[in-house]
Amino acid sequence: MMIQNDLTKKFNKGTIAIHWLSALLVLALFPLGKYMSGISPSEKMGVIKIHAMLGIIIFLLTIVRSWLFFKSTSPRQFKNRFQI
């Protein structure tokens, strides 16, 4: 028995793309934070600005992804799970 999990039947392509873009940005923040721990305070300010901007972008992408999830149409079998 093979289980097929086609995410395009549950989520639209925009939601999937934003999800993976957010994931890549989060993964980029970890080495950036590690790099910041080893530099002097005077050099750190520019890197903190980049780190903060990436965090804000991730936050905005998450809001857009949530909005797309609730406003986009999804297949009938997915909608039936949430009907009362």
N, C-alpha and C. Protein backbone atom coordinates (compact mmCIF):
# COMPACT_ATOMS: atom_id res chain seq x y z
N MET A 1 0.84 -1.17 0.00
CA MET A 1 0.00 0.00 0.00
C MET A 1 0.89 1.25 0.00
N MET A 2 0.69 2.11 -0.97
CA MET A 2 1.50 3.31 -1.08
C MET A 2 0.66 4.53 -0.71
N ILE A 3 1.18 5.33 0.20
CA ILE A 3 0.48 6.53 0.62
C ILE A 3 0.94 7.69 -0.25
N GLN A 4 -0.02 8.37 -0.84
CA GLN A 4 0.31 9.52 -1.67
C GLN A 4 -0.16 10.78 -0.96
N ASN A 5 0.72 11.71 -0.83
CA ASN A 5 0.41 12.96 -0.15
C ASN A 5 0.73 14.11 -1.09
N ASP A 6 -0.22 14.45 -1.93
CA ASP A 6 -0.04 15.53 -2.89
C ASP A 6 -0.44 16.84 -2.23
N LEU A 7 0.56 17.62 -1.83
CA LEU A 7 0.29 18.86 -1.12
C LEU A 7 -0.41 19.90 -1.98
N THR A 8 -0.31 19.79 -3.31
CA THR A 8 -0.99 20.75 -4.17
C THR A 8 -2.50 20.55 -4.13
N LYS A 9 -2.96 19.43 -3.57
CA LYS A 9 -4.40 19.23 -3.38
C LYS A 9 -4.88 19.87 -2.08
N LYS A 10 -3.95 20.15 -1.17
CA LYS A 10 -4.31 20.76 0.10
C LYS A 10 -4.01 22.26 0.14
N PHE A 11 -2.92 22.65 -0.50
CA PHE A 11 -2.47 24.03 -0.43
C PHE A 11 -2.22 24.55 -1.84
N ASN A 12 -2.44 25.87 -2.04
CA ASN A 12 -2.15 26.42 -3.36
C ASN A 12 -0.64 26.64 -3.50
N LYS A 13 -0.20 26.86 -4.71
CA LYS A 13 1.24 26.95 -4.98
C LYS A 13 1.88 28.16 -4.30
N GLY A 14 1.13 29.24 -4.16
CA GLY A 14 1.66 30.42 -3.48
C GLY A 14 1.96 30.14 -2.02
N THR A 15 1.07 29.41 -1.36
CA THR A 15 1.28 29.05 0.04
C THR A 15 2.51 28.17 0.20
N ILE A 16 2.66 27.22 -0.69
CA ILE A 16 3.82 26.31 -0.64
C ILE A 16 5.12 27.08 -0.88
N ALA A 17 5.11 27.98 -1.87
CA ALA A 17 6.32 28.76 -2.19
C ALA A 17 6.72 29.65 -1.02
N ILE A 18 5.74 30.32 -0.41
CA ILE A 18 6.04 31.19 0.72
C ILE A 18 6.55 30.37 1.91
N HIS A 19 5.99 29.20 2.10
CA HIS A 19 6.45 28.32 3.18
C HIS A 19 7.94 28.00 3.03
N TRP A 20 8.34 27.59 1.84
CA TRP A 20 9.74 27.20 1.64
C TRP A 20 10.67 28.41 1.64
N LEU A 21 10.21 29.54 1.14
CA LEU A 21 11.02 30.75 1.20
C LEU A 21 11.24 31.15 2.66
N SER A 22 10.20 31.09 3.46
CA SER A 22 10.33 31.40 4.89
C SER A 22 11.29 30.43 5.57
N ALA A 23 11.18 29.16 5.23
CA ALA A 23 12.06 28.16 5.83
C ALA A 23 13.53 28.44 5.49
N LEU A 24 13.80 28.79 4.25
CA LEU A 24 15.18 29.10 3.85
C LEU A 24 15.70 30.35 4.56
N LEU A 25 14.84 31.35 4.72
CA LEU A 25 15.26 32.57 5.42
C LEU A 25 15.54 32.28 6.90
N VAL A 26 14.71 31.46 7.53
CA VAL A 26 14.95 31.09 8.92
C VAL A 26 16.27 30.35 9.04
N LEU A 27 16.54 29.44 8.13
CA LEU A 27 17.81 28.71 8.16
C LEU A 27 19.00 29.63 7.93
N ALA A 28 18.81 30.70 7.17
CA ALA A 28 19.88 31.67 6.94
C ALA A 28 20.14 32.51 8.19
N LEU A 29 19.13 32.69 9.03
CA LEU A 29 19.30 33.51 10.22
C LEU A 29 20.20 32.84 11.27
N PHE A 30 20.21 31.51 11.32
CA PHE A 30 21.03 30.82 12.31
C PHE A 30 22.53 31.08 12.13
N PRO A 31 23.09 30.86 10.94
CA PRO A 31 24.53 31.16 10.80
C PRO A 31 24.83 32.66 10.93
N LEU A 32 23.87 33.50 10.54
CA LEU A 32 24.08 34.94 10.70
C LEU A 32 24.17 35.31 12.18
N GLY A 33 23.31 34.73 12.99
CA GLY A 33 23.36 34.96 14.43
C GLY A 33 24.64 34.43 15.04
N LYS A 34 25.07 33.28 14.60
CA LYS A 34 26.34 32.70 15.09
C LYS A 34 27.52 33.60 14.71
N TYR A 35 27.48 34.12 13.49
CA TYR A 35 28.54 35.03 13.03
C TYR A 35 28.58 36.30 13.89
N MET A 36 27.39 36.80 14.25
CA MET A 36 27.32 38.02 15.04
C MET A 36 27.93 37.85 16.42
N SER A 37 27.89 36.65 16.95
CA SER A 37 28.41 36.44 18.30
C SER A 37 29.94 36.55 18.35
N GLY A 38 30.60 36.48 17.20
CA GLY A 38 32.05 36.52 17.19
C GLY A 38 32.66 37.81 16.69
N ILE A 39 31.86 38.84 16.45
CA ILE A 39 32.43 40.09 15.94
C ILE A 39 32.32 41.19 16.99
N SER A 40 33.06 42.26 16.75
CA SER A 40 33.09 43.37 17.71
C SER A 40 31.77 44.16 17.65
N PRO A 41 31.44 44.84 18.74
CA PRO A 41 30.17 45.60 18.78
C PRO A 41 30.05 46.65 17.68
N SER A 42 31.15 47.25 17.28
CA SER A 42 31.08 48.28 16.23
C SER A 42 30.72 47.66 14.87
N GLU A 43 31.19 46.47 14.60
CA GLU A 43 30.86 45.79 13.34
C GLU A 43 29.48 45.14 13.40
N LYS A 44 29.04 44.85 14.60
CA LYS A 44 27.81 44.10 14.79
C LYS A 44 26.56 44.87 14.37
N MET A 45 26.58 46.19 14.44
CA MET A 45 25.38 46.99 14.20
C MET A 45 24.81 46.78 12.79
N GLY A 46 25.66 46.75 11.79
CA GLY A 46 25.18 46.54 10.42
C GLY A 46 24.58 45.15 10.24
N VAL A 47 25.18 44.16 10.86
CA VAL A 47 24.69 42.79 10.75
C VAL A 47 23.37 42.63 11.50
N ILE A 48 23.23 43.33 12.63
CA ILE A 48 21.97 43.28 13.37
C ILE A 48 20.84 43.86 12.54
N LYS A 49 21.11 44.91 11.78
CA LYS A 49 20.08 45.49 10.91
C LYS A 49 19.63 44.47 9.86
N ILE A 50 20.58 43.77 9.27
CA ILE A 50 20.24 42.74 8.28
C ILE A 50 19.43 41.63 8.93
N HIS A 51 19.85 41.21 10.11
CA HIS A 51 19.17 40.15 10.85
C HIS A 51 17.73 40.56 11.17
N ALA A 52 17.55 41.81 11.61
CA ALA A 52 16.22 42.30 11.94
C ALA A 52 15.34 42.41 10.69
N MET A 53 15.91 42.88 9.58
CA MET A 53 15.13 43.00 8.34
C MET A 53 14.66 41.63 7.86
N LEU A 54 15.54 40.63 7.94
CA LEU A 54 15.14 39.28 7.54
C LEU A 54 14.03 38.75 8.45
N GLY A 55 14.12 39.04 9.74
CA GLY A 55 13.07 38.63 10.67
C GLY A 55 11.73 39.28 10.34
N ILE A 56 11.74 40.55 9.99
CA ILE A 56 10.51 41.25 9.61
C ILE A 56 9.95 40.69 8.32
N ILE A 57 10.82 40.38 7.37
CA ILE A 57 10.36 39.77 6.10
C ILE A 57 9.70 38.42 6.37
N ILE A 58 10.29 37.62 7.24
CA ILE A 58 9.71 36.32 7.58
C ILE A 58 8.34 36.51 8.22
N PHE A 59 8.23 37.48 9.12
CA PHE A 59 6.95 37.75 9.77
C PHE A 59 5.89 38.14 8.75
N LEU A 60 6.23 39.04 7.82
CA LEU A 60 5.27 39.47 6.79
C LEU A 60 4.89 38.31 5.86
N LEU A 61 5.87 37.49 5.49
CA LEU A 61 5.57 36.33 4.66
C LEU A 61 4.63 35.36 5.38
N THR A 62 4.80 35.22 6.69
CA THR A 62 3.92 34.34 7.46
C THR A 62 2.49 34.88 7.48
N ILE A 63 2.34 36.18 7.59
CA ILE A 63 0.99 36.77 7.55
C ILE A 63 0.36 36.55 6.18
N VAL A 64 1.12 36.78 5.11
CA VAL A 64 0.61 36.57 3.76
C VAL A 64 0.25 35.11 3.54
N ARG A 65 1.10 34.21 4.01
CA ARG A 65 0.84 32.77 3.86
C ARG A 65 -0.43 32.37 4.60
N SER A 66 -0.64 32.88 5.79
CA SER A 66 -1.86 32.58 6.54
C SER A 66 -3.08 33.13 5.83
N TRP A 67 -2.98 34.34 5.31
CA TRP A 67 -4.09 34.94 4.59
C TRP A 67 -4.43 34.12 3.34
N LEU A 68 -3.40 33.72 2.59
CA LEU A 68 -3.63 32.89 1.40
C LEU A 68 -4.27 31.55 1.76
N PHE A 69 -3.84 30.96 2.87
CA PHE A 69 -4.38 29.68 3.28
C PHE A 69 -5.88 29.77 3.55
N PHE A 70 -6.31 30.81 4.24
CA PHE A 70 -7.71 30.91 4.61
C PHE A 70 -8.59 31.50 3.51
N LYS A 71 -8.02 32.27 2.59
CA LYS A 71 -8.81 32.90 1.54
C LYS A 71 -8.83 32.11 0.22
N SER A 72 -7.87 31.24 0.01
CA SER A 72 -7.81 30.51 -1.26
C SER A 72 -8.75 29.31 -1.23
N THR A 73 -9.17 28.90 -2.40
CA THR A 73 -10.01 27.72 -2.49
C THR A 73 -9.13 26.48 -2.47
N SER A 74 -9.64 25.45 -1.83
CA SER A 74 -8.93 24.19 -1.78
C SER A 74 -9.87 23.08 -2.23
N PRO A 75 -9.34 21.93 -2.57
CA PRO A 75 -10.18 20.85 -3.08
C PRO A 75 -11.28 20.44 -2.10
N ARG A 76 -12.31 19.85 -2.63
CA ARG A 76 -13.49 19.48 -1.85
C ARG A 76 -13.16 18.54 -0.70
N GLN A 77 -12.33 17.52 -0.93
CA GLN A 77 -12.04 16.57 0.14
C GLN A 77 -11.32 17.22 1.31
N PHE A 78 -10.56 18.28 1.07
CA PHE A 78 -9.88 18.98 2.16
C PHE A 78 -10.89 19.83 2.92
N LYS A 79 -11.80 20.47 2.22
CA LYS A 79 -12.80 21.31 2.87
C LYS A 79 -13.74 20.50 3.74
N ASN A 80 -14.07 19.27 3.33
CA ASN A 80 -15.01 18.46 4.09
C ASN A 80 -14.51 18.12 5.48
N ARG A 81 -13.22 18.08 5.68
CA ARG A 81 -12.66 17.77 7.00
C ARG A 81 -12.99 18.83 8.03
N PHE A 82 -13.17 20.07 7.58
CA PHE A 82 -13.36 21.16 8.52
C PHE A 82 -14.80 21.61 8.64
N GLN A 83 -15.70 20.93 7.98
CA GLN A 83 -17.12 21.30 8.10
C GLN A 83 -17.68 20.73 9.39
N ILE A 84 -18.57 21.49 9.98
CA ILE A 84 -19.20 21.06 11.24
C ILE A 84 -20.54 20.44 10.95
